[in-house]
Amino acid sequence: MDAAFIKAFGAVIKKQRERYLLTQQQLADRARIHRTYISDIERGSRNVSINSIKRIADALGTPVSLLFAEAETGLVALKKD
């Protein structure tokens, strides 16, 4: 995966987390992932595994497909700018 998509995906995770008024720690606890891992994902500095993506999506009550679709939409918007 390219760096731009990883950053766009991280932005989607952060947006979804904030939408549900969750802290990084709360999301990490729900997803059974370390808080710093969530932070790295949101900053786009971590190429996250599919298992972690599924855990995060479940913790957010959001389909994995929606997270990817929003990341792709955000990536297209960035490329237009």
Protein backbone atom coordinates (compact mmCIF):
# COMPACT_ATOMS: atom_id res chain seq x y z
CA MET A 1 0.00 0.00 0.00
CA ASP A 2 1.23 3.47 -0.69
CA ALA A 3 1.89 6.07 1.97
CA ALA A 4 -0.92 8.36 0.80
CA PHE A 5 -3.54 5.63 1.25
CA ILE A 6 -2.16 4.71 4.67
CA LYS A 7 -2.48 8.37 5.73
CA ALA A 8 -6.01 8.60 4.29
CA PHE A 9 -7.00 5.40 6.11
CA GLY A 10 -5.61 6.75 9.38
CA ALA A 11 -7.60 9.95 8.94
CA VAL A 12 -10.77 7.88 8.50
CA ILE A 13 -10.09 5.95 11.70
CA LYS A 14 -9.56 9.19 13.59
CA LYS A 15 -12.72 10.74 12.13
CA GLN A 16 -14.80 7.69 13.04
CA ARG A 17 -13.33 7.54 16.54
CA GLU A 18 -14.07 11.21 17.14
CA ARG A 19 -17.57 10.78 15.69
CA TYR A 20 -18.32 8.35 18.50
CA LEU A 21 -16.59 10.59 21.05
CA LEU A 22 -14.02 7.94 21.88
CA THR A 23 -10.51 8.57 23.09
CA GLN A 24 -7.65 6.63 21.53
CA GLN A 25 -7.46 4.61 24.75
CA GLN A 26 -11.17 3.72 24.64
CA LEU A 27 -10.90 2.59 21.02
CA ALA A 28 -7.75 0.64 21.81
CA ASP A 29 -9.46 -1.09 24.73
CA ARG A 30 -12.50 -2.00 22.62
CA ALA A 31 -10.31 -3.28 19.78
CA ARG A 32 -7.83 -5.02 22.13
CA ILE A 33 -4.97 -3.07 20.56
CA HIS A 34 -2.38 -0.89 22.27
CA ARG A 35 -3.17 2.84 22.35
CA THR A 36 0.12 3.78 20.67
CA TYR A 37 -0.78 1.47 17.79
CA ILE A 38 -4.03 3.41 17.32
CA SER A 39 -2.06 6.66 17.43
CA ASP A 40 0.38 5.37 14.80
CA ILE A 41 -2.52 4.31 12.56
CA GLU A 42 -4.23 7.68 12.85
CA ARG A 43 -0.99 9.50 11.99
CA GLY A 44 -0.47 7.25 8.98
CA SER A 45 2.84 5.95 10.25
CA ARG A 46 1.72 2.34 10.61
CA ASN A 47 0.82 -0.11 7.84
CA VAL A 48 -1.97 -1.82 9.76
CA SER A 49 -2.75 -5.53 9.41
CA ILE A 50 -6.10 -6.77 8.16
CA ASN A 51 -6.72 -8.40 11.56
CA SER A 52 -6.26 -5.06 13.30
CA ILE A 53 -8.45 -3.32 10.74
CA LYS A 54 -11.24 -5.81 11.47
CA ARG A 55 -10.86 -5.35 15.23
CA ILE A 56 -10.99 -1.57 14.88
CA ALA A 57 -14.01 -1.72 12.56
CA ASP A 58 -15.82 -3.99 15.01
CA ALA A 59 -14.92 -1.68 17.92
CA LEU A 60 -16.39 1.24 15.96
CA GLY A 61 -19.44 -0.75 14.85
CA THR A 62 -18.50 0.09 11.28
CA PRO A 63 -18.07 -2.25 8.30
CA VAL A 64 -14.49 -2.65 7.07
CA SER A 65 -15.72 -1.83 3.58
CA LEU A 66 -16.93 1.60 4.76
CA LEU A 67 -13.53 2.42 6.25
CA PHE A 68 -11.80 1.54 2.98
CA ALA A 69 -14.38 3.37 0.86
CA GLU A 70 -13.97 6.54 2.92
CA ALA A 71 -10.18 6.27 2.70
CA GLU A 72 -10.36 5.89 -1.08
CA THR A 73 -12.72 8.87 -1.33
CA GLY A 74 -10.35 10.95 0.78
CA LEU A 75 -7.40 9.86 -1.33
CA VAL A 76 -9.16 10.89 -4.54
CA ALA A 77 -9.97 14.28 -3.01
CA LEU A 78 -6.33 14.77 -2.05
CA LYS A 79 -5.15 13.93 -5.56
CA LYS A 80 -7.54 16.53 -7.04
CA ASP A 81 -6.03 19.31 -4.91
